[in-house]
Amino acid sequence: MEIFRAEASFPAEGVAAPRVVPGIDWSDHLPFWNLGYPGFMVTDTAVYRNPNYHRASDNIETIDFDGMSRVVTGLVRCIEELAN
């Protein structure tokens, strides 16, 4: 998490949460979990923070490209670190 925060300049919190937490399995990592593969989710907490999530208003006009760019930069650095 420290690497992400340093590289992304973006507020972030981390949690290792069990499936009983509502929303923890709402993403593309669930099929991997179901097959026994480890997986993780990076989220803006979906419906808890983004009123456009999975609605007709969830379109390119509602994307925060600056924020998304900073998140991707942080994730690239984290993945590089995990790969080493």
N, C-alpha and C. Protein backbone atom coordinates (compact mmCIF):
# COMPACT_ATOMS: atom_id res chain seq x y z
N MET A 1 0.82 -1.19 0.00
CA MET A 1 0.00 0.00 0.00
C MET A 1 0.87 1.25 0.00
N GLU A 2 2.01 1.19 0.68
CA GLU A 2 2.89 2.37 0.73
C GLU A 2 3.40 2.73 -0.65
N ILE A 3 3.74 1.71 -1.45
CA ILE A 3 4.23 1.95 -2.81
C ILE A 3 3.14 2.64 -3.62
N PHE A 4 1.92 2.14 -3.52
CA PHE A 4 0.82 2.74 -4.27
C PHE A 4 0.64 4.20 -3.89
N ARG A 5 0.58 4.47 -2.61
CA ARG A 5 0.37 5.85 -2.16
C ARG A 5 1.47 6.78 -2.64
N ALA A 6 2.71 6.30 -2.60
CA ALA A 6 3.84 7.13 -3.02
C ALA A 6 3.82 7.40 -4.52
N GLU A 7 3.46 6.41 -5.31
CA GLU A 7 3.49 6.54 -6.76
C GLU A 7 2.24 7.20 -7.34
N ALA A 8 1.09 6.94 -6.72
CA ALA A 8 -0.18 7.36 -7.30
C ALA A 8 -0.60 8.77 -6.90
N SER A 9 -0.11 9.26 -5.78
CA SER A 9 -0.61 10.53 -5.26
C SER A 9 -2.13 10.51 -5.22
N PHE A 10 -2.66 9.45 -4.64
CA PHE A 10 -4.09 9.23 -4.62
C PHE A 10 -4.46 8.63 -3.26
N PRO A 11 -5.51 9.12 -2.62
CA PRO A 11 -5.88 8.56 -1.31
C PRO A 11 -6.31 7.10 -1.47
N ALA A 12 -5.83 6.25 -0.57
CA ALA A 12 -6.16 4.83 -0.68
C ALA A 12 -6.16 4.18 0.69
N GLU A 13 -7.01 3.20 0.81
CA GLU A 13 -7.07 2.34 1.99
C GLU A 13 -7.01 0.91 1.51
N GLY A 14 -6.46 0.04 2.31
CA GLY A 14 -6.40 -1.37 1.95
C GLY A 14 -7.08 -2.22 2.99
N VAL A 15 -7.65 -3.31 2.54
CA VAL A 15 -8.29 -4.24 3.45
C VAL A 15 -8.27 -5.64 2.84
N ALA A 16 -8.04 -6.62 3.65
CA ALA A 16 -8.22 -8.01 3.25
C ALA A 16 -9.52 -8.44 3.91
N ALA A 17 -10.56 -8.57 3.12
CA ALA A 17 -11.89 -8.80 3.67
C ALA A 17 -12.45 -10.14 3.20
N PRO A 18 -13.23 -10.79 4.02
CA PRO A 18 -13.86 -12.05 3.64
C PRO A 18 -15.08 -11.81 2.75
N ARG A 19 -15.55 -12.86 2.15
CA ARG A 19 -16.71 -12.76 1.25
C ARG A 19 -17.98 -12.26 1.92
N VAL A 20 -18.07 -12.31 3.22
CA VAL A 20 -19.29 -11.87 3.89
C VAL A 20 -19.47 -10.35 3.83
N VAL A 21 -18.43 -9.62 3.46
CA VAL A 21 -18.53 -8.16 3.34
C VAL A 21 -19.31 -7.85 2.07
N PRO A 22 -20.44 -7.14 2.17
CA PRO A 22 -21.24 -6.84 0.98
C PRO A 22 -20.42 -6.11 -0.08
N GLY A 23 -20.46 -6.64 -1.30
CA GLY A 23 -19.77 -6.02 -2.42
C GLY A 23 -18.37 -6.54 -2.68
N ILE A 24 -17.81 -7.31 -1.76
CA ILE A 24 -16.42 -7.75 -1.92
C ILE A 24 -16.28 -8.69 -3.11
N ASP A 25 -17.35 -9.33 -3.51
CA ASP A 25 -17.28 -10.27 -4.64
C ASP A 25 -18.08 -9.80 -5.86
N TRP A 26 -18.20 -8.49 -6.02
CA TRP A 26 -18.96 -7.94 -7.14
C TRP A 26 -18.13 -7.72 -8.39
N SER A 27 -16.94 -8.23 -8.48
CA SER A 27 -16.09 -7.87 -9.60
C SER A 27 -15.56 -9.09 -10.33
N ASP A 28 -14.68 -8.83 -11.29
CA ASP A 28 -14.18 -9.87 -12.19
C ASP A 28 -13.26 -10.88 -11.51
N HIS A 29 -12.83 -10.62 -10.30
CA HIS A 29 -11.96 -11.57 -9.61
C HIS A 29 -12.74 -12.76 -9.05
N LEU A 30 -14.05 -12.66 -8.92
CA LEU A 30 -14.85 -13.73 -8.31
C LEU A 30 -14.69 -15.08 -9.01
N PRO A 31 -14.73 -15.17 -10.35
CA PRO A 31 -14.54 -16.48 -10.97
C PRO A 31 -13.19 -17.11 -10.65
N PHE A 32 -12.17 -16.28 -10.48
CA PHE A 32 -10.86 -16.80 -10.10
C PHE A 32 -10.91 -17.37 -8.69
N TRP A 33 -11.54 -16.63 -7.78
CA TRP A 33 -11.71 -17.12 -6.40
C TRP A 33 -12.43 -18.47 -6.42
N ASN A 34 -13.50 -18.53 -7.21
CA ASN A 34 -14.32 -19.75 -7.24
C ASN A 34 -13.54 -20.96 -7.74
N LEU A 35 -12.50 -20.73 -8.54
CA LEU A 35 -11.66 -21.81 -9.05
C LEU A 35 -10.41 -22.03 -8.20
N GLY A 36 -10.31 -21.30 -7.08
CA GLY A 36 -9.19 -21.49 -6.17
C GLY A 36 -7.96 -20.65 -6.45
N TYR A 37 -8.07 -19.72 -7.41
CA TYR A 37 -6.93 -18.84 -7.71
C TYR A 37 -7.00 -17.60 -6.82
N PRO A 38 -5.86 -17.14 -6.34
CA PRO A 38 -5.89 -15.89 -5.58
C PRO A 38 -6.19 -14.73 -6.52
N GLY A 39 -6.89 -13.77 -6.02
CA GLY A 39 -7.22 -12.59 -6.81
C GLY A 39 -7.46 -11.42 -5.91
N PHE A 40 -7.39 -10.24 -6.47
CA PHE A 40 -7.67 -9.05 -5.68
C PHE A 40 -8.48 -8.07 -6.50
N MET A 41 -9.10 -7.17 -5.81
CA MET A 41 -9.95 -6.18 -6.45
C MET A 41 -9.46 -4.79 -6.07
N VAL A 42 -9.40 -3.94 -7.06
CA VAL A 42 -9.12 -2.52 -6.84
C VAL A 42 -10.42 -1.81 -7.19
N THR A 43 -10.94 -1.05 -6.25
CA THR A 43 -12.26 -0.46 -6.45
C THR A 43 -12.37 0.92 -5.83
N ASP A 44 -13.26 1.69 -6.36
CA ASP A 44 -13.62 2.96 -5.72
C ASP A 44 -14.81 2.72 -4.79
N THR A 45 -15.05 1.51 -4.45
CA THR A 45 -16.14 0.99 -3.62
C THR A 45 -17.49 1.09 -4.31
N ALA A 46 -17.43 1.07 -5.62
CA ALA A 46 -18.61 0.93 -6.48
C ALA A 46 -19.82 1.76 -6.02
N VAL A 47 -20.91 1.09 -5.74
CA VAL A 47 -22.16 1.80 -5.43
C VAL A 47 -22.08 2.63 -4.16
N TYR A 48 -21.10 2.38 -3.31
CA TYR A 48 -20.98 3.15 -2.08
C TYR A 48 -20.41 4.54 -2.33
N ARG A 49 -19.74 4.73 -3.46
CA ARG A 49 -19.09 6.00 -3.74
C ARG A 49 -19.40 6.58 -5.11
N ASN A 50 -19.82 5.74 -6.05
CA ASN A 50 -20.05 6.17 -7.41
C ASN A 50 -21.53 6.02 -7.76
N PRO A 51 -22.26 7.11 -7.82
CA PRO A 51 -23.71 7.02 -8.09
C PRO A 51 -24.02 6.55 -9.51
N ASN A 52 -23.03 6.51 -10.38
CA ASN A 52 -23.25 6.08 -11.77
C ASN A 52 -23.01 4.59 -12.00
N TYR A 53 -22.47 3.90 -11.00
CA TYR A 53 -22.06 2.50 -11.16
C TYR A 53 -23.20 1.63 -11.67
N HIS A 54 -22.97 1.00 -12.84
CA HIS A 54 -23.91 0.09 -13.49
C HIS A 54 -25.27 0.73 -13.76
N ARG A 55 -25.26 2.00 -14.08
CA ARG A 55 -26.49 2.70 -14.47
C ARG A 55 -26.29 3.29 -15.86
N ALA A 56 -27.34 3.79 -16.44
CA ALA A 56 -27.24 4.41 -17.77
C ALA A 56 -26.26 5.58 -17.77
N SER A 57 -26.10 6.23 -16.63
CA SER A 57 -25.17 7.37 -16.51
C SER A 57 -23.72 6.93 -16.33
N ASP A 58 -23.46 5.63 -16.28
CA ASP A 58 -22.11 5.09 -16.14
C ASP A 58 -21.49 5.06 -17.54
N ASN A 59 -21.01 6.24 -17.96
CA ASN A 59 -20.48 6.37 -19.32
C ASN A 59 -19.20 7.21 -19.30
N ILE A 60 -18.65 7.43 -20.46
CA ILE A 60 -17.35 8.10 -20.56
C ILE A 60 -17.38 9.52 -19.98
N GLU A 61 -18.51 10.17 -20.03
CA GLU A 61 -18.60 11.53 -19.49
C GLU A 61 -18.48 11.59 -17.98
N THR A 62 -18.71 10.48 -17.30
CA THR A 62 -18.67 10.48 -15.83
C THR A 62 -17.36 9.91 -15.28
N ILE A 63 -16.41 9.59 -16.16
CA ILE A 63 -15.13 9.03 -15.72
C ILE A 63 -14.18 10.15 -15.30
N ASP A 64 -13.52 9.96 -14.18
CA ASP A 64 -12.48 10.87 -13.70
C ASP A 64 -11.15 10.38 -14.27
N PHE A 65 -10.79 10.86 -15.46
CA PHE A 65 -9.59 10.36 -16.13
C PHE A 65 -8.31 10.74 -15.39
N ASP A 66 -8.27 11.88 -14.75
CA ASP A 66 -7.09 12.25 -13.97
C ASP A 66 -6.89 11.27 -12.82
N GLY A 67 -7.95 11.02 -12.08
CA GLY A 67 -7.87 10.08 -10.97
C GLY A 67 -7.53 8.68 -11.46
N MET A 68 -8.17 8.25 -12.56
CA MET A 68 -7.91 6.92 -13.09
C MET A 68 -6.45 6.79 -13.52
N SER A 69 -5.91 7.82 -14.13
CA SER A 69 -4.51 7.79 -14.55
C SER A 69 -3.57 7.64 -13.36
N ARG A 70 -3.85 8.35 -12.27
CA ARG A 70 -3.02 8.24 -11.07
C ARG A 70 -3.12 6.85 -10.44
N VAL A 71 -4.31 6.27 -10.47
CA VAL A 71 -4.49 4.92 -9.93
C VAL A 71 -3.71 3.91 -10.77
N VAL A 72 -3.81 4.01 -12.09
CA VAL A 72 -3.09 3.09 -12.96
C VAL A 72 -1.58 3.21 -12.74
N THR A 73 -1.08 4.43 -12.61
CA THR A 73 0.35 4.63 -12.35
C THR A 73 0.77 3.92 -11.06
N GLY A 74 -0.02 4.06 -10.02
CA GLY A 74 0.28 3.40 -8.76
C GLY A 74 0.20 1.89 -8.87
N LEU A 75 -0.80 1.38 -9.60
CA LEU A 75 -0.94 -0.06 -9.76
C LEU A 75 0.21 -0.67 -10.55
N VAL A 76 0.65 0.03 -11.59
CA VAL A 76 1.79 -0.46 -12.38
C VAL A 76 3.00 -0.63 -11.48
N ARG A 77 3.26 0.34 -10.65
CA ARG A 77 4.41 0.27 -9.74
C ARG A 77 4.25 -0.87 -8.74
N CYS A 78 3.05 -1.07 -8.22
CA CYS A 78 2.80 -2.16 -7.28
C CYS A 78 2.99 -3.52 -7.95
N ILE A 79 2.49 -3.66 -9.16
CA ILE A 79 2.63 -4.92 -9.88
C ILE A 79 4.10 -5.19 -10.18
N GLU A 80 4.83 -4.17 -10.56
CA GLU A 80 6.27 -4.35 -10.77
C GLU A 80 6.95 -4.85 -9.50
N GLU A 81 6.58 -4.28 -8.38
CA GLU A 81 7.18 -4.68 -7.10
C GLU A 81 6.80 -6.12 -6.76
N LEU A 82 5.55 -6.50 -6.98
CA LEU A 82 5.10 -7.86 -6.69
C LEU A 82 5.80 -8.88 -7.60
N ALA A 83 6.10 -8.49 -8.82
CA ALA A 83 6.73 -9.39 -9.78
C ALA A 83 8.19 -9.69 -9.43
N ASN A 84 8.77 -8.83 -8.62
CA ASN A 84 10.19 -9.03 -8.28
C ASN A 84 10.32 -9.81 -7.04
